[in-house]
Protein backbone atom coordinates (compact mmCIF):
# COMPACT_ATOMS: atom_id res chain seq x y z
CA MET A 1 65.25 30.57 27.40
CA ASN A 2 64.81 30.74 23.47
CA ALA A 3 66.95 28.29 22.03
CA ALA A 4 67.62 28.54 17.90
CA GLN A 5 66.06 25.53 16.14
CA GLY A 6 69.12 23.32 15.70
CA THR A 7 71.24 23.76 18.62
CA VAL A 8 72.28 21.87 21.27
CA GLY A 9 70.20 24.28 23.40
CA SER A 10 67.02 22.68 21.58
CA ASP A 11 67.52 19.49 22.24
CA PRO A 12 65.56 18.16 25.40
CA VAL A 13 68.32 15.63 26.22
CA ILE A 14 71.95 17.72 26.67
CA LEU A 15 75.21 15.33 26.54
CA ALA A 16 78.67 16.84 26.02
CA THR A 17 81.42 15.07 26.59
CA ALA A 18 85.73 16.42 26.83
CA GLY A 19 89.38 15.26 27.34
CA TYR A 20 93.11 15.42 25.86
CA ASP A 21 92.01 15.83 22.59
CA HIS A 22 91.49 20.26 22.58
CA THR A 23 87.21 19.33 22.02
CA VAL A 24 83.82 19.73 23.42
CA ARG A 25 81.74 17.36 21.83
CA PHE A 26 78.05 17.55 21.93
CA TRP A 27 75.79 14.69 20.66
CA GLN A 28 72.31 12.94 20.06
CA ALA A 29 72.14 11.12 23.15
CA HIS A 30 69.82 8.70 21.18
CA SER A 31 71.57 7.80 18.09
CA GLY A 32 75.26 8.45 19.26
CA ILE A 33 75.67 11.07 16.59
CA CYS A 34 78.53 14.15 17.31
CA THR A 35 75.94 17.21 16.70
CA ARG A 36 78.49 19.98 17.59
CA THR A 37 82.71 20.10 18.01
CA VAL A 38 83.86 23.07 19.91
CA GLN A 39 87.67 23.95 19.40
CA HIS A 40 88.91 24.35 22.97
CA GLN A 41 91.82 26.44 22.74
CA ASP A 42 94.94 26.04 24.42
CA SER A 43 95.65 28.55 27.34
CA LEU A 44 99.59 29.82 27.16
CA GLY A 45 102.11 27.80 28.91
CA VAL A 46 100.04 24.62 29.35
CA THR A 47 100.88 22.28 31.88
CA PRO A 48 98.88 18.59 32.81
CA HIS A 49 96.04 18.10 35.64
CA VAL A 50 98.19 16.82 38.84
CA TRP A 51 96.68 13.73 40.77
CA GLU A 52 98.68 12.64 44.00
CA LEU A 53 98.73 9.29 44.11
CA PRO A 54 99.64 6.84 46.41
CA VAL A 55 102.25 3.91 44.96
CA SER A 56 102.85 2.05 48.35
CA PRO A 57 102.24 2.11 51.76
CA VAL A 58 105.06 4.31 52.77
CA GLY A 59 105.25 6.78 49.71
CA SER A 60 103.12 8.27 47.12
CA ARG A 61 104.19 10.27 43.74
CA LEU A 62 102.82 12.55 41.90
CA LEU A 63 101.30 11.11 38.24
CA LEU A 64 101.45 13.55 35.37
CA LEU A 65 98.28 12.55 33.34
CA THR A 66 99.52 13.27 29.64
CA ASP A 67 98.24 11.50 26.55
CA LEU A 68 101.42 9.89 24.14
CA ASN A 69 101.38 12.34 21.69
CA GLY A 70 102.60 14.77 24.69
CA HIS A 71 99.76 17.11 24.54
CA LEU A 72 99.78 18.60 28.01
CA GLN A 73 96.22 20.79 27.80
CA GLN A 74 93.06 18.98 28.21
CA VAL A 75 89.12 20.13 29.80
CA ASN A 76 89.05 19.02 33.41
CA ALA A 77 85.55 19.10 33.99
CA LEU A 78 82.43 20.37 32.50
CA GLU A 79 79.04 21.67 33.70
CA ILE A 80 75.85 22.56 31.93
CA THR A 81 73.85 25.54 33.49
CA PRO A 82 70.37 25.19 35.50
CA ASP A 83 68.63 26.79 32.83
CA ARG A 84 70.39 25.02 29.96
CA SER A 85 71.63 28.16 28.38
CA MET A 86 75.89 27.81 28.77
CA ILE A 87 77.99 25.01 29.39
CA ALA A 88 81.29 25.98 31.15
CA ALA A 89 84.57 23.82 30.75
CA ALA A 90 87.56 24.32 33.09
CA GLY A 91 90.92 23.57 32.41
CA TYR A 92 94.14 24.83 33.22
CA GLN A 93 94.86 28.43 34.46
CA HIS A 94 90.74 28.68 32.60
CA ILE A 95 87.00 28.99 32.62
CA ARG A 96 85.45 28.96 29.00
CA MET A 97 81.70 29.02 28.79
CA TYR A 98 79.62 28.44 25.76
CA ASP A 99 76.93 29.32 25.10
CA LEU A 100 74.38 26.15 24.18
CA ASN A 101 71.01 28.39 22.49
CA SER A 102 73.47 29.20 19.63
CA ASN A 103 75.51 28.03 17.32
CA ASN A 104 78.58 30.05 17.66
CA PRO A 105 82.13 28.17 18.24
CA ASN A 106 83.80 30.95 20.49
CA PRO A 107 83.13 30.92 24.29
CA VAL A 108 80.99 33.96 25.22
CA ILE A 109 82.62 34.01 29.04
CA ASN A 110 86.47 33.30 29.19
CA TYR A 111 88.26 33.81 32.14
CA ASP A 112 92.16 33.31 32.64
CA GLY A 113 92.91 34.37 36.33
CA VAL A 114 94.02 31.35 38.17
CA SER A 115 96.93 30.31 38.41
CA LYS A 116 96.75 26.72 38.15
CA ASN A 117 94.51 23.52 37.20
CA ILE A 118 90.67 23.74 37.65
CA THR A 119 89.45 20.45 37.81
CA SER A 120 85.99 21.31 39.64
CA VAL A 121 82.97 23.33 38.44
CA GLY A 122 79.35 23.68 39.64
CA PHE A 123 76.36 26.50 40.03
CA HIS A 124 73.97 27.63 41.86
CA GLU A 125 70.34 25.30 41.17
CA ASP A 126 69.03 29.46 40.68
CA GLY A 127 72.11 29.93 38.08
CA ARG A 128 73.34 33.31 40.04
CA TRP A 129 77.41 32.23 40.78
CA MET A 130 79.28 29.37 39.59
CA TYR A 131 82.17 28.14 42.37
CA THR A 132 85.06 26.40 41.33
CA GLY A 133 87.92 24.50 42.89
CA GLY A 134 91.74 24.26 41.81
CA GLU A 135 94.91 23.18 42.43
CA ASP A 136 96.08 26.43 43.14
CA CYS A 137 94.26 24.53 46.56
CA MET A 138 91.42 27.72 46.47
CA ALA A 139 87.52 27.14 46.00
CA ARG A 140 86.54 30.32 44.38
CA ILE A 141 82.93 31.39 43.79
CA TRP A 142 82.18 33.66 40.97
CA ASP A 143 79.17 35.88 40.59
CA LEU A 144 77.24 34.94 36.98
CA ARG A 145 75.19 38.24 36.75
CA SER A 146 77.51 40.14 34.60
CA ARG A 147 79.52 38.74 31.44
CA ASN A 148 82.73 39.80 32.90
CA LEU A 149 83.54 36.90 35.97
CA GLN A 150 83.92 38.03 38.98
CA CYS A 151 85.30 36.08 42.03
CA GLN A 152 82.98 37.21 44.92
CA ARG A 153 84.86 34.41 48.14
CA ILE A 154 87.74 32.33 48.01
CA PHE A 155 87.72 29.45 50.42
CA GLN A 156 91.47 28.35 51.24
CA VAL A 157 92.99 24.82 51.92
CA ASN A 158 96.79 23.25 52.35
CA ALA A 159 96.83 21.31 49.29
CA PRO A 160 95.41 21.11 45.75
CA ILE A 161 91.94 20.66 45.23
CA ASN A 162 89.99 17.76 43.80
CA CYS A 163 86.75 18.20 43.67
CA VAL A 164 83.81 20.28 45.09
CA CYS A 165 80.15 19.36 45.24
CA LEU A 166 77.10 21.90 46.59
CA HIS A 167 75.13 20.68 48.95
CA PRO A 168 71.73 20.28 47.82
CA ASN A 169 70.61 23.19 50.60
CA GLN A 170 72.97 25.32 48.44
CA ALA A 171 74.82 26.58 51.47
CA GLU A 172 77.57 24.92 52.32
CA LEU A 173 80.44 23.33 49.65
CA ILE A 174 81.73 20.47 50.32
CA VAL A 175 85.76 20.22 48.93
CA GLY A 176 88.10 17.34 48.62
CA ASP A 177 92.01 18.09 48.59
CA GLN A 178 94.87 15.80 47.73
CA SER A 179 95.94 15.66 51.51
CA GLY A 180 92.72 13.52 52.10
CA ALA A 181 90.66 16.16 53.43
CA ILE A 182 87.46 17.00 53.21
CA HIS A 183 86.28 20.23 54.39
CA ILE A 184 82.57 21.57 54.48
CA TRP A 185 82.38 25.47 54.15
CA ASP A 186 79.70 26.90 55.30
CA LEU A 187 78.59 30.04 52.79
CA LYS A 188 76.32 31.39 55.22
CA THR A 189 78.66 31.86 58.45
CA ASP A 190 82.42 30.92 56.53
CA HIS A 191 82.63 28.73 59.11
CA ASN A 192 83.92 25.18 58.23
CA GLU A 193 84.82 21.84 59.50
CA GLN A 194 86.82 19.22 58.39
CA LEU A 195 87.15 15.70 58.50
CA ILE A 196 89.98 13.07 57.00
CA PRO A 197 88.65 9.43 56.60
CA GLU A 198 92.38 8.05 55.60
CA PRO A 199 95.06 10.45 55.66
CA GLU A 200 97.82 11.33 53.30
CA VAL A 201 95.30 9.45 50.81
CA SER A 202 94.08 12.32 48.07
CA VAL A 203 89.92 13.03 47.76
CA ASN A 204 89.34 12.06 44.33
CA SER A 205 85.24 13.12 44.41
CA VAL A 206 82.87 13.97 46.82
CA HIS A 207 78.82 13.94 46.14
CA ILE A 208 75.41 14.38 48.12
CA ASP A 209 72.54 12.62 46.92
CA PRO A 210 69.41 14.78 46.20
CA ASP A 211 67.86 13.94 49.14
CA ALA A 212 70.36 15.23 51.24
CA SER A 213 70.11 11.50 53.51
CA TYR A 214 74.05 10.75 52.43
CA MET A 215 77.45 12.04 51.61
CA ALA A 216 80.17 9.74 49.68
CA ALA A 217 83.63 10.43 49.11
CA VAL A 218 85.88 8.34 47.27
CA ASN A 219 89.92 8.04 46.96
CA SER A 220 92.93 6.99 45.71
CA SER A 221 93.14 3.95 47.48
CA GLY A 222 89.76 2.86 46.01
CA ASN A 223 87.64 3.48 48.85
CA CYS A 224 84.33 4.72 49.35
CA TYR A 225 83.30 6.64 52.60
CA VAL A 226 79.69 7.09 52.90
CA TRP A 227 77.95 9.24 55.51
CA ASN A 228 74.91 10.19 57.17
CA LEU A 229 73.74 13.55 56.76
CA THR A 230 71.13 15.49 59.75
CA GLY A 231 70.69 19.24 59.61
CA GLY A 232 71.08 21.55 57.06
CA ILE A 233 68.33 22.94 57.12
CA GLY A 234 67.56 27.21 58.19
CA GLU A 235 70.65 27.83 60.58
CA GLU A 236 71.46 24.64 61.17
CA VAL A 237 75.36 22.99 60.34
CA THR A 238 74.84 20.11 58.34
CA GLN A 239 76.36 17.05 60.83
CA LEU A 240 77.73 14.07 58.93
CA ILE A 241 77.56 10.20 60.56
CA PRO A 242 79.71 7.85 59.94
CA LYS A 243 77.74 5.02 57.91
CA THR A 244 79.90 2.91 55.90
CA LYS A 245 83.29 2.00 54.04
CA ILE A 246 83.15 0.34 50.83
CA PRO A 247 86.37 -1.19 49.11
CA ALA A 248 84.77 -0.30 45.85
CA HIS A 249 87.93 -0.70 43.95
CA ASN A 250 91.51 -2.06 43.67
CA ARG A 251 92.37 0.64 41.99
CA TYR A 252 91.99 4.72 42.32
CA ALA A 253 89.04 5.75 42.62
CA LEU A 254 88.18 9.25 40.59
CA GLN A 255 84.30 9.69 40.73
CA CYS A 256 81.32 9.05 42.68
CA LYS A 257 77.81 9.95 41.99
CA PHE A 258 74.08 8.97 43.84
CA SER A 259 71.41 8.98 41.03
CA PRO A 260 68.34 11.46 40.51
CA ASP A 261 66.46 9.22 42.73
CA SER A 262 68.88 9.08 45.83
CA THR A 263 68.60 5.10 45.33
CA LEU A 264 72.03 4.01 43.56
CA LEU A 265 75.54 5.49 44.43
CA ALA A 266 78.14 5.23 41.09
CA THR A 267 81.81 4.70 41.84
CA CYS A 268 84.13 5.07 38.65
CA SER A 269 87.91 3.92 38.63
CA ALA A 270 91.64 3.46 37.38
CA ASP A 271 90.52 -0.41 37.25
CA GLN A 272 88.42 0.37 34.13
CA THR A 273 85.13 -0.35 35.68
CA CYS A 274 81.99 1.88 36.86
CA LYS A 275 80.00 -0.10 40.00
CA ILE A 276 76.51 0.99 40.94
CA TRP A 277 75.58 1.04 44.50
CA ARG A 278 72.00 0.55 46.52
CA THR A 279 72.04 3.28 48.79
CA SER A 280 69.80 1.04 51.09
CA ASN A 281 72.24 -0.78 52.26
CA PHE A 282 75.55 -0.58 49.95
CA SER A 283 75.70 -3.27 48.48
CA LEU A 284 76.47 -3.76 44.42
CA MET A 285 74.19 -3.82 41.68
CA THR A 286 76.21 -3.97 38.90
CA GLU A 287 79.58 -3.74 37.37
CA LEU A 288 80.04 -1.95 34.00
CA SER A 289 83.73 -3.06 32.75
CA ILE A 290 85.43 -1.99 29.51
CA LYS A 291 87.93 -4.67 30.30
CA SER A 292 88.90 -6.54 26.57
CA ASN A 293 87.95 -10.38 26.38
CA ASN A 294 91.14 -9.87 24.46
CA PRO A 295 94.27 -11.85 26.75
CA GLY A 296 96.32 -9.71 24.30
CA GLU A 297 95.41 -6.05 25.46
CA THR A 298 95.74 -5.63 28.78
CA SER A 299 93.71 -1.95 29.58
CA ARG A 300 91.55 0.20 27.56
CA GLY A 301 92.49 2.97 30.59
CA TRP A 302 90.40 4.37 33.36
CA MET A 303 86.94 5.25 34.56
CA TRP A 304 86.96 8.92 34.28
CA ASP A 305 83.25 9.95 34.68
CA CYS A 306 79.58 9.83 35.02
CA ALA A 307 76.37 10.61 35.22
CA PHE A 308 72.94 9.27 35.29
CA SER A 309 70.10 10.33 33.74
CA GLY A 310 67.18 11.98 34.92
CA ASP A 311 64.68 8.30 35.31
CA SER A 312 68.11 7.22 37.03
CA GLN A 313 67.48 4.36 34.54
CA TYR A 314 70.96 4.94 32.43
CA ILE A 315 74.17 5.93 33.18
CA VAL A 316 76.84 7.45 30.59
CA THR A 317 80.15 6.82 31.17
CA ALA A 318 83.81 8.43 30.09
CA SER A 319 86.65 6.49 29.43
CA SER A 320 90.34 6.70 28.72
CA ASP A 321 89.66 4.81 25.16
CA ASN A 322 87.90 7.68 23.55
CA LEU A 323 84.84 6.70 24.44
CA ALA A 324 81.59 7.57 26.28
CA ARG A 325 79.08 5.01 26.82
CA LEU A 326 75.52 4.61 27.67
CA TRP A 327 74.55 2.14 30.20
CA CYS A 328 71.40 0.52 31.20
CA VAL A 329 71.96 0.62 35.14
CA GLU A 330 69.80 -2.30 36.17
CA THR A 331 70.95 -5.18 33.38
CA GLY A 332 74.82 -3.50 32.38
CA GLU A 333 73.98 -3.93 28.83
CA ILE A 334 75.80 -0.73 26.27
CA LYS A 335 72.85 0.80 25.02
CA ARG A 336 75.12 3.34 22.92
CA GLU A 337 78.42 4.55 22.16
CA TYR A 338 79.68 7.92 21.35
CA SER A 339 82.74 7.62 19.04
CA GLY A 340 84.52 10.85 17.82
CA HIS A 341 87.31 11.89 20.48
CA GLN A 342 90.51 11.45 19.54
CA LYS A 343 91.76 11.09 22.95
CA ALA A 344 91.11 9.99 25.83
CA VAL A 345 87.70 11.77 27.38
CA VAL A 346 87.55 12.63 31.17
CA CYS A 347 84.74 14.78 31.66
CA LEU A 348 80.92 14.61 30.63
CA ALA A 349 77.81 16.61 31.36
CA PHE A 350 74.33 15.44 31.00
CA ASN A 351 71.22 16.97 31.54
CA ASP A 352 67.82 15.42 30.38
CA SER A 353 65.42 17.77 32.16
CA VAL A 354 62.79 19.57 31.06
CA LEU A 355 62.66 22.71 32.00
CA GLY A 356 58.81 24.14 32.73
C-alpha cells in the first residue's frame, strides 16, 4: 500500500478522533499535534443518536445526546481498515470513508442508504467486507470489493443496535441492543443465539479478546459481564460460559475493550472514568479519571471510547470535555492530551501496527 509522504497513512501510528463538532481529526500520537482535519458533512434531516438509559428500577427514558448549541449531527463510530488505507466514519443515515494515503478532504466512499443512526462499524481482517449496526435494528455486511458499497447480508433484531463486534474467527458477529439482548450471528450458517444478561438494560458495548478466551459486555446499569469462550473453530459454534459480573461503574458503562495481549480489559463510563481490569482475576488495576479537583466544577462529562496501543502499555480515551488523552496503563499517568475539538469527542480509532 503506497502512502504519499506527509499523509496520515505514511505515519506508523494513526490516531483519529471525532464527535459532535462535525470534524474528524488526525493526530501525531507522540507530540499531540493535529496533522489533518476533515470536515464531516451533515446529512439532511439530521437527528441525534438516541440511547435508551434506565433512570429508575421501574422505568426508563430516552436520553437525547445533543450538545449545548443544539447541533444534532455527530460521528458515532470510527474504524481504520486493516490495510490502513482508509478510515470509516459512521453517523446518522450514512457511512463516509476517507483515504488515508492522500490529502483528499472528501470521502472516497459515500453511502446514505440507512434509515437511522449507524452506531457501530468494523472490518473483516482481510478487508473484503465491512459490518455495521444501527438504530434501525439491523446489522449489515457490506461488500468492499467495489467502490459502490453493496449491502450483502442483513441481520434483523427487535431493538435498536448499539454495538457490533467480530469474533477473531471472522465468522461470528456479536450484536448488542437496547433491549438488553446480545445476539451471536453465525455468518457461515446464518444461525443465531441470544442471551440477556439483564432484561431491559441497554447493552452499550461488546468485545472479544484477541485470544478468543473471553467476551465482555457493558450496560447502562454500569455492570460488566464476562464469559469464557469455547468452540468457534471450524464448524463448531462458539459457546459462552458465564465467568463473572463486575459492578464496574455507578453510572452508564459505554465501552469495553480488551488489550491486544488479552491480559487487560478497559471499561469507559459516564462516571468520568475508564477502568483497567486484569483478566487473570478481573480485579481493578488502574482507574483513569477526568474528575476535577476543583470543588466548583461538577463534571467534565463522560468517558466515551478507548483504544489500547499495540504493546498494551498505553491507552487512548475520548471524552465529553473535548479532549482525547494518552495514558500509561500501569501508572494511570496522562502522557499526552489531544486538544482541538470544539465539542465532545465520542469516538476514536487508533492503529500503531506496522504492516509487513
